[in-house]
Amino acid sequence: MTLKTHPSFCLWAIALAALPMVASAWQAKPNQPVPPPRPVVIVQPPANARFQQVMREQQVRDQLQQNQVEEQLRERQMQALRQPYAADPARAARLDQADQAQRELYRVRQQDVLDRYQSTVAPPVVHSASEPATPRSGG
């Protein structure tokens, strides 16, 4: 028996070869639609929210101003402290390093006040309770 003498045998061979492809296509699920993103609910601020915001702003201004006054006093003390050591370069260099560290501390304190204010002003974000929150990987 050769393929030339039996064309039906050739058709059966092709059908058997195509059977796995047909079966996998038949079992494949259609593309499922992507679910819509979860709604984000912003909590409504209380009625006295504006008053609270004004009070927080005033507290931030007061703290920033207090830090500024303390920094000015520190700068005056540093200038008075430098005068006797103006002729000694080693001590002057150490005073400069200490002054730079104090300036950096002042900058960090001011930034901390602003960051804390910003974290209290940002409205809290609450996801709807209909779906549980899914953990997301960072990166």
N, C-alpha and C. Protein backbone atom coordinates (compact mmCIF):
# COMPACT_ATOMS: atom_id res chain seq x y z
N MET A 1 0.83 -1.18 0.00
CA MET A 1 0.00 0.00 0.00
C MET A 1 0.87 1.24 0.00
N THR A 2 0.60 2.10 -0.90
CA THR A 2 1.33 3.36 -0.97
C THR A 2 0.32 4.49 -0.87
N LEU A 3 0.84 5.66 -0.62
CA LEU A 3 -0.05 6.82 -0.50
C LEU A 3 -0.70 7.16 -1.82
N LYS A 4 -0.02 6.83 -2.90
CA LYS A 4 -0.61 7.14 -4.20
C LYS A 4 -1.83 6.26 -4.48
N THR A 5 -1.81 5.05 -3.99
CA THR A 5 -2.92 4.15 -4.27
C THR A 5 -4.10 4.37 -3.34
N HIS A 6 -3.86 4.91 -2.16
CA HIS A 6 -4.96 5.10 -1.20
C HIS A 6 -5.00 6.57 -0.74
N PRO A 7 -5.70 7.44 -1.47
CA PRO A 7 -5.80 8.84 -1.07
C PRO A 7 -6.54 9.03 0.25
N SER A 8 -7.41 8.13 0.61
CA SER A 8 -8.13 8.28 1.88
C SER A 8 -7.17 8.11 3.07
N PHE A 9 -6.15 7.28 2.91
CA PHE A 9 -5.15 7.12 3.94
C PHE A 9 -4.42 8.44 4.18
N CYS A 10 -4.12 9.17 3.11
CA CYS A 10 -3.45 10.48 3.21
C CYS A 10 -4.33 11.46 3.96
N LEU A 11 -5.63 11.46 3.68
CA LEU A 11 -6.54 12.37 4.38
C LEU A 11 -6.62 12.04 5.86
N TRP A 12 -6.63 10.75 6.22
CA TRP A 12 -6.66 10.36 7.61
C TRP A 12 -5.39 10.79 8.34
N ALA A 13 -4.25 10.70 7.67
CA ALA A 13 -2.98 11.11 8.28
C ALA A 13 -2.98 12.61 8.57
N ILE A 14 -3.49 13.40 7.65
CA ILE A 14 -3.57 14.85 7.84
C ILE A 14 -4.53 15.18 8.98
N ALA A 15 -5.66 14.47 9.02
CA ALA A 15 -6.64 14.73 10.07
C ALA A 15 -6.08 14.38 11.44
N LEU A 16 -5.34 13.29 11.55
CA LEU A 16 -4.74 12.92 12.82
C LEU A 16 -3.66 13.91 13.24
N ALA A 17 -2.92 14.43 12.28
CA ALA A 17 -1.88 15.41 12.60
C ALA A 17 -2.49 16.72 13.07
N ALA A 18 -3.65 17.09 12.55
CA ALA A 18 -4.28 18.36 12.90
C ALA A 18 -5.13 18.25 14.16
N LEU A 19 -5.38 17.03 14.63
CA LEU A 19 -6.26 16.82 15.77
C LEU A 19 -5.81 17.57 17.04
N PRO A 20 -4.51 17.57 17.43
CA PRO A 20 -4.12 18.33 18.64
C PRO A 20 -4.38 19.82 18.52
N MET A 21 -4.17 20.38 17.33
CA MET A 21 -4.41 21.83 17.16
C MET A 21 -5.90 22.14 17.29
N VAL A 22 -6.74 21.31 16.72
CA VAL A 22 -8.17 21.54 16.79
C VAL A 22 -8.65 21.39 18.23
N ALA A 23 -8.13 20.40 18.94
CA ALA A 23 -8.55 20.19 20.32
C ALA A 23 -8.14 21.36 21.21
N SER A 24 -6.91 21.86 21.02
CA SER A 24 -6.48 22.99 21.87
C SER A 24 -7.27 24.25 21.56
N ALA A 25 -7.61 24.46 20.30
CA ALA A 25 -8.41 25.64 19.94
C ALA A 25 -9.82 25.52 20.51
N TRP A 26 -10.35 24.31 20.55
CA TRP A 26 -11.69 24.10 21.07
C TRP A 26 -11.75 24.30 22.58
N GLN A 27 -10.66 23.93 23.28
CA GLN A 27 -10.63 24.04 24.73
C GLN A 27 -10.22 25.43 25.21
N ALA A 28 -9.60 26.24 24.35
CA ALA A 28 -9.13 27.56 24.77
C ALA A 28 -10.31 28.45 25.15
N LYS A 29 -10.15 29.18 26.22
CA LYS A 29 -11.20 30.09 26.67
C LYS A 29 -11.08 31.39 25.88
N PRO A 30 -12.20 32.01 25.59
CA PRO A 30 -12.11 33.31 24.91
C PRO A 30 -11.52 34.35 25.86
N ASN A 31 -10.97 35.40 25.29
CA ASN A 31 -10.38 36.47 26.11
C ASN A 31 -11.45 37.06 27.02
N GLN A 32 -11.15 37.01 28.31
CA GLN A 32 -12.09 37.57 29.26
C GLN A 32 -11.84 39.07 29.37
N PRO A 33 -12.89 39.86 29.47
CA PRO A 33 -12.69 41.31 29.57
C PRO A 33 -11.97 41.67 30.86
N VAL A 34 -11.18 42.71 30.80
CA VAL A 34 -10.46 43.20 31.97
C VAL A 34 -11.45 43.92 32.88
N PRO A 35 -11.47 43.56 34.16
CA PRO A 35 -12.42 44.23 35.05
C PRO A 35 -12.07 45.71 35.19
N PRO A 36 -13.07 46.55 35.35
CA PRO A 36 -12.78 47.98 35.50
C PRO A 36 -12.05 48.23 36.81
N PRO A 37 -11.29 49.32 36.90
CA PRO A 37 -10.57 49.62 38.15
C PRO A 37 -11.57 49.90 39.27
N ARG A 38 -11.12 49.58 40.48
CA ARG A 38 -11.97 49.82 41.64
C ARG A 38 -12.20 51.30 41.83
N PRO A 39 -13.40 51.69 42.20
CA PRO A 39 -13.63 53.12 42.44
C PRO A 39 -12.91 53.58 43.70
N VAL A 40 -12.48 54.82 43.68
CA VAL A 40 -11.81 55.42 44.83
C VAL A 40 -12.78 56.38 45.48
N VAL A 41 -12.96 56.22 46.76
CA VAL A 41 -13.88 57.07 47.51
C VAL A 41 -13.06 58.02 48.36
N ILE A 42 -13.30 59.30 48.20
CA ILE A 42 -12.62 60.30 49.02
C ILE A 42 -13.56 60.66 50.15
N VAL A 43 -13.06 60.53 51.35
CA VAL A 43 -13.87 60.78 52.55
C VAL A 43 -14.22 62.27 52.60
N GLN A 44 -15.49 62.52 52.82
CA GLN A 44 -15.95 63.90 52.91
C GLN A 44 -15.45 64.53 54.21
N PRO A 45 -14.81 65.69 54.13
CA PRO A 45 -14.32 66.32 55.36
C PRO A 45 -15.47 66.80 56.24
N PRO A 46 -15.23 66.87 57.54
CA PRO A 46 -16.29 67.35 58.44
C PRO A 46 -16.60 68.82 58.18
N ALA A 47 -17.68 69.27 58.76
CA ALA A 47 -18.16 70.63 58.52
C ALA A 47 -17.15 71.69 58.97
N ASN A 48 -16.40 71.39 60.03
CA ASN A 48 -15.45 72.38 60.53
C ASN A 48 -14.05 72.17 59.95
N ALA A 49 -13.97 71.54 58.79
CA ALA A 49 -12.68 71.22 58.19
C ALA A 49 -11.88 72.49 57.86
N ARG A 50 -12.55 73.52 57.40
CA ARG A 50 -11.84 74.77 57.04
C ARG A 50 -11.21 75.39 58.28
N PHE A 51 -11.92 75.38 59.38
CA PHE A 51 -11.38 75.92 60.62
C PHE A 51 -10.16 75.11 61.06
N GLN A 52 -10.27 73.79 60.99
CA GLN A 52 -9.14 72.93 61.35
C GLN A 52 -7.93 73.18 60.44
N GLN A 53 -8.20 73.37 59.15
CA GLN A 53 -7.11 73.64 58.21
C GLN A 53 -6.43 74.97 58.53
N VAL A 54 -7.21 75.98 58.84
CA VAL A 54 -6.64 77.28 59.18
C VAL A 54 -5.79 77.17 60.45
N MET A 55 -6.28 76.41 61.41
CA MET A 55 -5.52 76.23 62.66
C MET A 55 -4.20 75.50 62.40
N ARG A 56 -4.24 74.45 61.56
CA ARG A 56 -3.01 73.72 61.24
C ARG A 56 -2.02 74.62 60.50
N GLU A 57 -2.54 75.43 59.57
CA GLU A 57 -1.66 76.35 58.84
C GLU A 57 -1.00 77.34 59.81
N GLN A 58 -1.78 77.85 60.76
CA GLN A 58 -1.23 78.79 61.73
C GLN A 58 -0.18 78.12 62.60
N GLN A 59 -0.42 76.88 63.01
CA GLN A 59 0.56 76.16 63.81
C GLN A 59 1.85 75.94 63.02
N VAL A 60 1.71 75.65 61.73
CA VAL A 60 2.90 75.46 60.89
C VAL A 60 3.66 76.77 60.77
N ARG A 61 2.94 77.86 60.52
CA ARG A 61 3.61 79.17 60.43
C ARG A 61 4.34 79.51 61.73
N ASP A 62 3.66 79.27 62.85
CA ASP A 62 4.27 79.56 64.16
C ASP A 62 5.54 78.73 64.36
N GLN A 63 5.47 77.44 64.03
CA GLN A 63 6.63 76.57 64.20
C GLN A 63 7.78 76.98 63.28
N LEU A 64 7.46 77.29 62.04
CA LEU A 64 8.51 77.74 61.11
C LEU A 64 9.14 79.04 61.59
N GLN A 65 8.31 79.96 62.08
CA GLN A 65 8.84 81.23 62.58
C GLN A 65 9.69 81.01 63.83
N GLN A 66 9.25 80.14 64.73
CA GLN A 66 10.03 79.85 65.93
C GLN A 66 11.38 79.24 65.54
N ASN A 67 11.38 78.31 64.61
CA ASN A 67 12.64 77.73 64.15
C ASN A 67 13.55 78.78 63.54
N GLN A 68 12.96 79.71 62.80
CA GLN A 68 13.75 80.77 62.17
C GLN A 68 14.39 81.68 63.22
N VAL A 69 13.63 82.04 64.25
CA VAL A 69 14.18 82.89 65.31
C VAL A 69 15.31 82.16 66.03
N GLU A 70 15.11 80.87 66.31
CA GLU A 70 16.18 80.10 66.96
C GLU A 70 17.42 80.02 66.08
N GLU A 71 17.22 79.90 64.78
CA GLU A 71 18.37 79.85 63.86
C GLU A 71 19.09 81.19 63.84
N GLN A 72 18.37 82.29 63.86
CA GLN A 72 19.01 83.60 63.88
C GLN A 72 19.83 83.78 65.15
N LEU A 73 19.29 83.36 66.28
CA LEU A 73 20.04 83.44 67.54
C LEU A 73 21.30 82.58 67.48
N ARG A 74 21.18 81.40 66.92
CA ARG A 74 22.34 80.51 66.80
C ARG A 74 23.41 81.13 65.90
N GLU A 75 22.98 81.76 64.81
CA GLU A 75 23.94 82.40 63.90
C GLU A 75 24.68 83.54 64.61
N ARG A 76 23.95 84.32 65.40
CA ARG A 76 24.61 85.41 66.14
C ARG A 76 25.62 84.84 67.14
N GLN A 77 25.25 83.77 67.83
CA GLN A 77 26.18 83.15 68.78
C GLN A 77 27.41 82.61 68.05
N MET A 78 27.21 82.04 66.88
CA MET A 78 28.33 81.49 66.11
C MET A 78 29.27 82.61 65.67
N GLN A 79 28.70 83.74 65.25
CA GLN A 79 29.55 84.87 64.85
C GLN A 79 30.36 85.38 66.03
N ALA A 80 29.73 85.47 67.19
CA ALA A 80 30.45 85.93 68.38
C ALA A 80 31.52 84.92 68.79
N LEU A 81 31.26 83.65 68.59
CA LEU A 81 32.21 82.61 68.95
C LEU A 81 33.42 82.58 67.99
N ARG A 82 33.21 82.97 66.75
CA ARG A 82 34.28 82.93 65.76
C ARG A 82 35.32 84.05 65.96
N GLN A 83 34.91 85.16 66.49
CA GLN A 83 35.82 86.31 66.59
C GLN A 83 37.13 85.99 67.32
N PRO A 84 37.10 85.35 68.47
CA PRO A 84 38.38 85.07 69.14
C PRO A 84 39.25 84.07 68.37
N TYR A 85 38.66 83.23 67.53
CA TYR A 85 39.42 82.19 66.83
C TYR A 85 39.68 82.53 65.37
N ALA A 86 39.52 83.79 64.99
CA ALA A 86 39.70 84.18 63.59
C ALA A 86 41.13 83.92 63.12
N ALA A 87 42.10 84.02 64.00
CA ALA A 87 43.50 83.84 63.62
C ALA A 87 43.91 82.37 63.58
N ASP A 88 43.14 81.46 64.15
CA ASP A 88 43.49 80.04 64.21
C ASP A 88 42.69 79.29 63.11
N PRO A 89 43.35 78.94 62.00
CA PRO A 89 42.63 78.31 60.88
C PRO A 89 42.03 76.95 61.24
N ALA A 90 42.68 76.18 62.10
CA ALA A 90 42.17 74.86 62.46
C ALA A 90 40.85 74.99 63.23
N ARG A 91 40.83 75.88 64.20
CA ARG A 91 39.60 76.07 64.97
C ARG A 91 38.52 76.72 64.12
N ALA A 92 38.92 77.63 63.25
CA ALA A 92 37.94 78.27 62.36
C ALA A 92 37.30 77.23 61.44
N ALA A 93 38.10 76.27 60.97
CA ALA A 93 37.56 75.22 60.11
C ALA A 93 36.58 74.33 60.88
N ARG A 94 36.92 74.00 62.13
CA ARG A 94 36.00 73.20 62.95
C ARG A 94 34.70 73.96 63.23
N LEU A 95 34.82 75.25 63.48
CA LEU A 95 33.62 76.06 63.70
C LEU A 95 32.76 76.11 62.42
N ASP A 96 33.43 76.20 61.28
CA ASP A 96 32.68 76.20 60.01
C ASP A 96 31.94 74.88 59.82
N GLN A 97 32.60 73.76 60.16
CA GLN A 97 31.94 72.46 60.05
C GLN A 97 30.74 72.37 61.00
N ALA A 98 30.91 72.84 62.20
CA ALA A 98 29.82 72.82 63.17
C ALA A 98 28.68 73.72 62.70
N ASP A 99 29.03 74.87 62.15
CA ASP A 99 28.02 75.79 61.64
C ASP A 99 27.25 75.15 60.49
N GLN A 100 27.97 74.49 59.59
CA GLN A 100 27.31 73.83 58.46
C GLN A 100 26.37 72.72 58.95
N ALA A 101 26.80 71.96 59.95
CA ALA A 101 25.95 70.91 60.50
C ALA A 101 24.69 71.51 61.13
N GLN A 102 24.82 72.64 61.82
CA GLN A 102 23.67 73.29 62.44
C GLN A 102 22.71 73.84 61.38
N ARG A 103 23.27 74.36 60.30
CA ARG A 103 22.41 74.85 59.21
C ARG A 103 21.62 73.70 58.58
N GLU A 104 22.29 72.58 58.40
CA GLU A 104 21.61 71.41 57.84
C GLU A 104 20.51 70.93 58.79
N LEU A 105 20.79 70.95 60.08
CA LEU A 105 19.78 70.56 61.07
C LEU A 105 18.58 71.50 61.00
N TYR A 106 18.83 72.78 60.86
CA TYR A 106 17.75 73.76 60.74
C TYR A 106 16.91 73.46 59.50
N ARG A 107 17.58 73.20 58.38
CA ARG A 107 16.87 72.91 57.13
C ARG A 107 16.00 71.66 57.28
N VAL A 108 16.55 70.64 57.94
CA VAL A 108 15.80 69.40 58.13
C VAL A 108 14.60 69.62 59.05
N ARG A 109 14.77 70.42 60.10
CA ARG A 109 13.65 70.71 60.99
C ARG A 109 12.53 71.42 60.25
N GLN A 110 12.90 72.39 59.44
CA GLN A 110 11.89 73.13 58.67
C GLN A 110 11.16 72.19 57.71
N GLN A 111 11.92 71.33 57.04
CA GLN A 111 11.31 70.39 56.10
C GLN A 111 10.41 69.41 56.84
N ASP A 112 10.79 68.99 58.02
CA ASP A 112 9.97 68.08 58.81
C ASP A 112 8.63 68.72 59.17
N VAL A 113 8.67 69.98 59.54
CA VAL A 113 7.41 70.68 59.87
C VAL A 113 6.51 70.70 58.64
N LEU A 114 7.08 71.01 57.48
CA LEU A 114 6.27 71.06 56.26
C LEU A 114 5.76 69.67 55.88
N ASP A 115 6.58 68.65 56.03
CA ASP A 115 6.15 67.29 55.68
C ASP A 115 5.02 66.81 56.59
N ARG A 116 5.14 67.09 57.88
CA ARG A 116 4.07 66.69 58.81
C ARG A 116 2.78 67.42 58.47
N TYR A 117 2.88 68.69 58.11
CA TYR A 117 1.68 69.44 57.72
C TYR A 117 1.06 68.82 56.47
N GLN A 118 1.89 68.52 55.49
CA GLN A 118 1.39 67.96 54.24
C GLN A 118 0.70 66.61 54.47
N SER A 119 1.23 65.80 55.38
CA SER A 119 0.62 64.50 55.64
C SER A 119 -0.73 64.64 56.34
N THR A 120 -0.95 65.72 57.07
CA THR A 120 -2.26 65.91 57.71
C THR A 120 -3.26 66.55 56.77
N VAL A 121 -2.78 67.26 55.76
CA VAL A 121 -3.67 67.97 54.84
C VAL A 121 -4.19 67.04 53.75
N ALA A 122 -3.39 66.07 53.31
CA ALA A 122 -3.80 65.19 52.22
C ALA A 122 -5.05 64.42 52.64
N PRO A 123 -6.07 64.41 51.78
CA PRO A 123 -7.29 63.69 52.16
C PRO A 123 -7.05 62.19 52.15
N PRO A 124 -7.63 61.47 53.09
CA PRO A 124 -7.44 60.02 53.12
C PRO A 124 -8.15 59.36 51.95
N VAL A 125 -7.55 58.33 51.37
CA VAL A 125 -8.14 57.61 50.26
C VAL A 125 -8.64 56.28 50.79
N VAL A 126 -9.93 56.00 50.54
CA VAL A 126 -10.54 54.77 51.00
C VAL A 126 -11.09 54.05 49.78
N HIS A 127 -10.71 52.79 49.60
CA HIS A 127 -11.24 52.01 48.48
C HIS A 127 -12.60 51.45 48.87
N SER A 128 -13.40 51.17 47.84
CA SER A 128 -14.73 50.66 48.13
C SER A 128 -14.65 49.31 48.82
N ALA A 129 -15.63 49.01 49.63
CA ALA A 129 -15.62 47.77 50.41
C ALA A 129 -16.10 46.59 49.58
N SER A 130 -16.54 46.80 48.34
CA SER A 130 -17.07 45.71 47.54
C SER A 130 -15.99 44.72 47.12
N GLU A 131 -14.75 45.17 46.99
CA GLU A 131 -13.68 44.28 46.59
C GLU A 131 -12.53 44.41 47.58
N PRO A 132 -11.90 43.30 47.94
CA PRO A 132 -10.77 43.39 48.86
C PRO A 132 -9.56 44.00 48.15
N ALA A 133 -8.73 44.65 48.92
CA ALA A 133 -7.52 45.26 48.37
C ALA A 133 -6.56 44.17 47.96
N THR A 134 -5.95 44.35 46.79
CA THR A 134 -4.97 43.36 46.32
C THR A 134 -3.58 43.90 46.56
N PRO A 135 -2.70 43.07 47.10
CA PRO A 135 -1.32 43.55 47.32
C PRO A 135 -0.62 43.74 45.99
N ARG A 136 0.15 44.79 45.91
CA ARG A 136 0.90 45.06 44.69
C ARG A 136 2.38 45.00 44.99
N SER A 137 3.10 44.45 44.05
CA SER A 137 4.55 44.37 44.27
C SER A 137 5.18 45.67 43.83
N GLY A 138 6.14 46.13 44.60
CA GLY A 138 6.84 47.38 44.27
C GLY A 138 7.88 47.13 43.20
N GLY A 139 8.15 48.17 42.40
CA GLY A 139 9.21 48.00 41.42
C GLY A 139 8.85 48.45 40.15
